[in-house]
C-alpha cells in the first residue's frame, strides 16, 4: 500500500491537471458505475484524506478512489499513448480538453455525494499531510492501546493517516526500537513528530528517502534491506511479520541498533 506522501503527490498532480476544467469524457470501468455519465461536469478539486483520493465535481459529487497495493493514476496529453499497464486494468478515465487522467487497478472506485464523504473517511485519524493535522490527537489515539505493538499502531489509519510499511520500518529504526515494541514503551510524541518530518520531506518527490543518501540501495535504513548490512553498524538487516496472520504486514529491523521484542519471541 502506498505511503501517504505518494498519495499526496498523486493528488497534487491530478489537481493541477483537472481542477477548474470541464470533463469531456468520463469512463468508469466498474460494474456499478458503468452507465454513469459525468461529461460536462466541472472538476472542482482533487484532495487527499490519508490514503484516499477524492475528486470533487460540481453538483455535490465526489469520485472516491483508493490505490491499496497496486493502484495508480497517470496523466497523459490528448492522443498520447497510455503506458500504465494493459488496457484491461484501466478502471477510470477522466478526460478534459487538455489532459487525460487514467486510473489503473483501482480496488476502490465509487461515486458519492460530496456532503457524505465523512461516511468513508470519517474514521481516519489526523492526516499527517492534511489541514487537520493534530499531533496531540495522534499521540492520544496511539496511547489508547499501550500494549499494542507500535508497528501495528502506526499502520492503523484510525490513529494517524498516512503511514505505511516503509515508514513503520524507518521510524522504528531511527527511534532505536523494534516494530514489536509495545506502544507504552515507545516515545509516541517523538515518533509522531518524526513521521510528520519524513512525509513532509518526501511529499514532492517519488520514493521515500530517509537516510539522505540518494544512491541506489542506500535510501532506506532498514526497509527492503533484508540480509544486507545495516548502514549504521553492519549487522545484517532482518525481516519479519506484524499483525494478525490474515493481514500480516512485513517489517524490517536491525537486531543490534534496535531494542525491544522481535517476532516469535526472538
Protein backbone atom coordinates (compact mmCIF):
# COMPACT_ATOMS: atom_id res chain seq x y z
CA UNK A 1 0.00 0.00 0.00
CA UNK A 2 1.46 3.40 -0.93
CA UNK A 3 2.60 5.78 1.76
CA UNK A 4 0.70 8.98 2.45
CA UNK A 5 3.30 11.14 0.70
CA UNK A 6 2.90 9.09 -2.51
CA UNK A 7 -0.86 9.66 -2.42
CA UNK A 8 -0.32 13.37 -1.67
CA UNK A 9 1.93 13.77 -4.72
CA UNK A 10 -0.52 11.88 -6.94
CA UNK A 11 -3.35 14.11 -5.76
CA UNK A 12 -1.33 17.29 -6.26
CA UNK A 13 -0.62 16.34 -9.87
CA UNK A 14 -4.23 15.37 -10.54
CA UNK A 15 -5.47 18.61 -9.01
CA UNK A 16 -3.07 20.71 -11.08
CA UNK A 17 -4.25 18.93 -14.25
CA UNK A 18 -8.00 18.72 -13.63
CA UNK A 19 -9.18 21.36 -11.16
CA UNK A 20 -11.29 24.03 -12.84
CA UNK A 21 -11.59 22.00 -16.04
CA UNK A 22 -14.73 20.50 -17.55
CA UNK A 23 -14.82 16.79 -18.31
CA UNK A 24 -15.40 15.97 -21.96
CA UNK A 25 -15.39 12.24 -21.16
CA UNK A 26 -15.59 10.09 -18.06
CA UNK A 27 -15.32 6.34 -18.49
CA UNK A 28 -15.73 4.46 -15.20
CA UNK A 29 -15.00 0.79 -15.82
CA UNK A 30 -16.54 -0.85 -12.79
CA UNK A 31 -19.96 -2.53 -12.95
CA UNK A 32 -21.77 -0.22 -10.53
CA UNK A 33 -20.64 2.90 -12.43
CA UNK A 34 -20.57 1.60 -16.00
CA UNK A 35 -23.53 3.70 -17.12
CA UNK A 36 -22.61 6.83 -15.18
CA UNK A 37 -22.17 9.92 -17.33
CA UNK A 38 -20.02 12.69 -15.84
CA UNK A 39 -19.34 14.54 -19.08
CA UNK A 40 -19.83 18.32 -18.94
CA UNK A 41 -19.26 18.41 -15.19
CA UNK A 42 -16.52 20.69 -13.89
CA UNK A 43 -13.84 19.28 -11.62
CA UNK A 44 -13.69 21.46 -8.52
CA UNK A 45 -10.61 19.93 -6.88
CA UNK A 46 -8.79 16.72 -6.11
CA UNK A 47 -7.88 16.24 -2.45
CA UNK A 48 -6.29 13.55 -0.30
CA UNK A 49 -7.61 12.29 3.00
CA UNK A 50 -5.00 9.90 4.34
CA UNK A 51 -4.58 7.40 1.53
CA UNK A 52 -7.98 8.15 -0.02
CA UNK A 53 -8.31 10.27 -3.18
CA UNK A 54 -11.35 12.50 -3.57
CA UNK A 55 -12.10 14.02 -6.97
CA UNK A 56 -14.82 16.57 -6.27
CA UNK A 57 -17.17 17.57 -9.08
CA UNK A 58 -19.81 20.25 -9.37
CA UNK A 59 -23.26 19.09 -8.33
CA UNK A 60 -22.19 17.66 -4.93
CA UNK A 61 -20.45 14.62 -6.41
CA UNK A 62 -17.16 13.01 -5.37
CA UNK A 63 -15.35 10.24 -7.18
CA UNK A 64 -13.65 8.34 -4.37
CA UNK A 65 -10.69 6.09 -5.15
CA UNK A 66 -8.06 4.24 -3.15
CA UNK A 67 -4.83 2.79 -4.52
CA UNK A 68 -4.36 -0.01 -1.97
CA UNK A 69 -1.35 -2.13 -3.06
CA UNK A 70 -1.28 -1.83 -6.85
CA UNK A 71 -3.48 1.05 -7.95
CA UNK A 72 -2.16 4.17 -9.68
CA UNK A 73 -3.27 7.28 -11.55
CA UNK A 74 -1.41 8.50 -14.65
CA UNK A 75 -1.72 11.71 -16.64
CA UNK A 76 -1.43 11.99 -20.41
CA UNK A 77 -1.94 14.53 -23.14
CA UNK A 78 -4.73 14.14 -25.69
CA UNK A 79 -3.84 11.33 -28.08
CA UNK A 80 -0.77 10.31 -26.07
CA UNK A 81 -0.19 6.58 -25.68
CA UNK A 82 -1.09 5.20 -22.26
CA UNK A 83 1.61 3.13 -20.58
CA UNK A 84 0.40 2.47 -17.02
CA UNK A 85 -0.49 -1.13 -17.77
CA UNK A 86 -2.70 -3.30 -20.01
CA UNK A 87 -5.98 -1.73 -21.06
CA UNK A 88 -7.98 -4.36 -19.17
CA UNK A 89 -6.51 -2.91 -15.95
CA UNK A 90 -7.95 0.57 -16.59
CA UNK A 91 -10.73 1.37 -14.13
CA UNK A 92 -11.30 5.09 -14.75
CA UNK A 93 -10.71 7.66 -17.48
CA UNK A 94 -11.28 11.36 -16.76
CA UNK A 95 -10.65 13.50 -19.83
CA UNK A 96 -10.63 17.25 -20.28
CA UNK A 97 -9.71 19.21 -23.40
CA UNK A 98 -6.08 19.34 -22.24
CA UNK A 99 -5.35 16.26 -20.09
CA UNK A 100 -6.40 12.65 -19.62
CA UNK A 101 -6.26 11.04 -16.16
CA UNK A 102 -6.25 7.25 -16.23
CA UNK A 103 -6.69 5.12 -13.12
CA UNK A 104 -5.21 1.62 -13.21
CA UNK A 105 -6.05 -1.33 -10.94
CA UNK A 106 -8.14 0.78 -8.58
CA UNK A 107 -9.64 -1.58 -5.99
CA UNK A 108 -11.91 1.17 -4.70
CA UNK A 109 -13.84 3.39 -7.09
CA UNK A 110 -17.19 4.81 -6.11
CA UNK A 111 -19.32 7.89 -6.64
CA UNK A 112 -20.90 9.54 -3.62
CA UNK A 113 -22.32 12.90 -2.58
CA UNK A 114 -19.53 15.25 -1.52
CA UNK A 115 -21.59 16.09 1.55
CA UNK A 116 -21.34 12.42 2.59
CA UNK A 117 -17.56 11.93 2.27
CA UNK A 118 -17.32 11.57 6.02
CA UNK A 119 -19.01 8.20 5.64
CA UNK A 120 -15.89 6.75 4.01
CA UNK A 121 -13.09 8.75 5.66
CA UNK A 122 -14.60 9.93 8.93
CA UNK A 123 -12.98 7.06 10.83
CA UNK A 124 -9.45 8.21 9.96
CA UNK A 125 -7.12 9.80 12.45
CA UNK A 126 -5.34 13.13 11.88
CA UNK A 127 -3.82 13.31 8.39
CA UNK A 128 -0.05 13.80 8.50
CA UNK A 129 -0.17 15.88 5.31
CA UNK A 130 -3.66 17.30 5.67
CA UNK A 131 -5.07 20.56 7.01
CA UNK A 132 -6.49 18.67 10.01
CA UNK A 133 -3.08 17.50 11.27
CA UNK A 134 -3.14 17.39 15.07
CA UNK A 135 -0.06 15.73 16.60
CA UNK A 136 -1.52 15.77 20.11
CA UNK A 137 -4.62 13.90 18.93
CA UNK A 138 -2.45 11.35 17.11
CA UNK A 139 -0.47 10.73 20.32
CA UNK A 140 -3.68 10.28 22.31
CA UNK A 141 -5.05 7.78 19.79
CA UNK A 142 -1.81 5.79 19.72
CA UNK A 143 -1.71 5.69 23.52
CA UNK A 144 -5.21 4.27 23.83
CA UNK A 145 -3.78 0.74 23.44
CA UNK A 146 -0.46 0.75 25.31
CA UNK A 147 0.12 -3.00 24.94
CA UNK A 148 -0.27 -2.96 21.16
CA UNK A 149 2.93 -3.31 19.07
CA UNK A 150 3.96 0.13 17.86
CA UNK A 151 4.27 -1.03 14.25
CA UNK A 152 0.64 -2.15 14.17
CA UNK A 153 -0.50 1.03 15.88
CA UNK A 154 1.32 3.26 13.39
CA UNK A 155 -0.20 1.35 10.47
CA UNK A 156 -3.71 1.77 11.89
CA UNK A 157 -5.09 4.71 9.92
CA UNK A 158 -7.57 5.37 12.72
CA UNK A 159 -4.67 6.62 14.84
CA UNK A 160 -2.94 8.78 12.24
CA UNK A 161 -3.40 8.70 8.50
CA UNK A 162 -0.52 8.34 6.06
CA UNK A 163 2.00 5.85 7.47
CA UNK A 164 2.64 2.58 5.61
CA UNK A 165 5.10 -0.31 5.75
CA UNK A 166 8.09 1.72 4.58
CA UNK A 167 7.75 4.42 7.20
CA UNK A 168 7.00 2.00 10.04
CA UNK A 169 10.34 0.26 9.50
CA UNK A 170 12.21 3.53 9.05
CA UNK A 171 10.59 5.30 12.01
CA UNK A 172 11.32 2.41 14.32
CA UNK A 173 14.94 2.21 13.13
CA UNK A 174 15.50 5.91 13.64
CA UNK A 175 13.99 5.76 17.13
CA UNK A 176 16.02 2.63 18.01
CA UNK A 177 13.07 0.33 18.77
CA UNK A 178 11.69 -2.74 17.02
CA UNK A 179 8.22 -2.60 15.43
CA UNK A 180 7.01 -5.11 18.06
CA UNK A 181 7.76 -2.77 20.97
CA UNK A 182 4.58 -2.04 22.97
CA UNK A 183 3.18 1.43 22.41
CA UNK A 184 3.55 2.11 26.12
CA UNK A 185 7.31 1.62 25.86
CA UNK A 186 7.72 3.97 22.88
CA UNK A 187 8.04 7.73 22.87
CA UNK A 188 4.99 8.35 20.71
CA UNK A 189 5.41 12.13 20.71
CA UNK A 190 8.83 11.83 19.07
CA UNK A 191 7.60 9.13 16.66
CA UNK A 192 4.69 11.30 15.54
CA UNK A 193 6.94 14.35 15.09
CA UNK A 194 9.43 12.29 13.08
CA UNK A 195 6.66 10.80 10.90
CA UNK A 196 5.50 14.32 10.05
CA UNK A 197 9.06 15.42 9.25
CA UNK A 198 9.75 12.45 6.93
CA UNK A 199 6.50 12.70 4.99
CA UNK A 200 6.90 16.45 4.55
CA UNK A 201 10.46 15.95 3.28
CA UNK A 202 9.38 13.38 0.69
CA UNK A 203 5.96 14.58 -0.45
CA UNK A 204 7.19 16.47 -3.52
CA UNK A 205 9.28 13.65 -4.98
CA UNK A 206 8.81 9.97 -5.84
CA UNK A 207 10.22 7.48 -3.38
CA UNK A 208 10.77 7.69 0.35
CA UNK A 209 14.31 8.78 1.19
CA UNK A 210 15.00 8.51 4.91
CA UNK A 211 18.81 8.36 5.01
CA UNK A 212 19.54 11.49 3.00
CA UNK A 213 21.56 9.33 0.61
CA UNK A 214 20.16 9.22 -2.94
CA UNK A 215 22.37 6.36 -4.10
CA UNK A 216 20.65 3.15 -5.12
CA UNK A 217 20.30 0.73 -2.21
CA UNK A 218 21.06 3.40 0.38
CA UNK A 219 17.85 5.43 0.50
CA UNK A 220 16.41 3.43 3.44
CA UNK A 221 17.93 2.40 6.75
CA UNK A 222 16.03 -0.87 7.09
CA UNK A 223 13.07 -1.26 4.73
CA UNK A 224 13.73 -3.70 1.88
CA UNK A 225 17.29 -4.44 3.05
CA UNK A 226 16.91 -7.98 4.43
CA UNK A 227 20.31 -9.75 4.78
CA UNK A 228 22.14 -6.60 3.73
CA UNK A 229 24.43 -4.88 6.24
CA UNK A 230 22.95 -2.16 8.42
CA UNK A 231 24.15 1.20 7.15
CA UNK A 232 24.94 2.20 10.72
CA UNK A 233 26.55 -0.87 12.33
CA UNK A 234 27.00 -3.50 9.59
CA UNK A 235 24.74 -6.14 11.18
CA UNK A 236 22.52 -7.93 8.61
CA UNK A 237 19.03 -6.45 8.48
CA UNK A 238 16.23 -8.88 9.34
CA UNK A 239 12.65 -9.18 8.13
CA UNK A 240 9.55 -10.33 9.98
CA UNK A 241 5.78 -10.01 10.03
CA UNK A 242 3.50 -7.99 12.25
CA UNK A 243 -0.22 -8.06 12.79
CA UNK A 244 -2.71 -10.95 12.65
CA UNK A 245 -1.82 -13.72 10.15
CA UNK A 246 -4.77 -12.96 7.86
CA UNK A 247 -3.49 -9.44 7.24
CA UNK A 248 0.14 -9.61 8.32
CA UNK A 249 2.44 -6.80 7.16
CA UNK A 250 6.17 -7.00 6.62
CA UNK A 251 8.68 -5.15 8.80
CA UNK A 252 12.46 -4.80 8.74
CA UNK A 253 14.83 -4.08 11.61
CA UNK A 254 18.43 -4.18 12.76
CA UNK A 255 18.84 -6.56 15.72
CA UNK A 256 21.75 -4.52 17.03
CA UNK A 257 20.60 -0.94 16.58
CA UNK A 258 17.01 -1.52 17.70
CA UNK A 259 15.94 -2.65 21.14
CA UNK A 260 12.73 -4.42 22.02
CA UNK A 261 10.73 -7.58 21.23
CA UNK A 262 11.24 -9.47 17.97
CA UNK A 263 8.97 -11.91 16.09
CA UNK A 264 8.37 -15.31 17.70
CA UNK A 265 9.90 -14.11 20.93
CA UNK A 266 13.43 -13.97 19.46
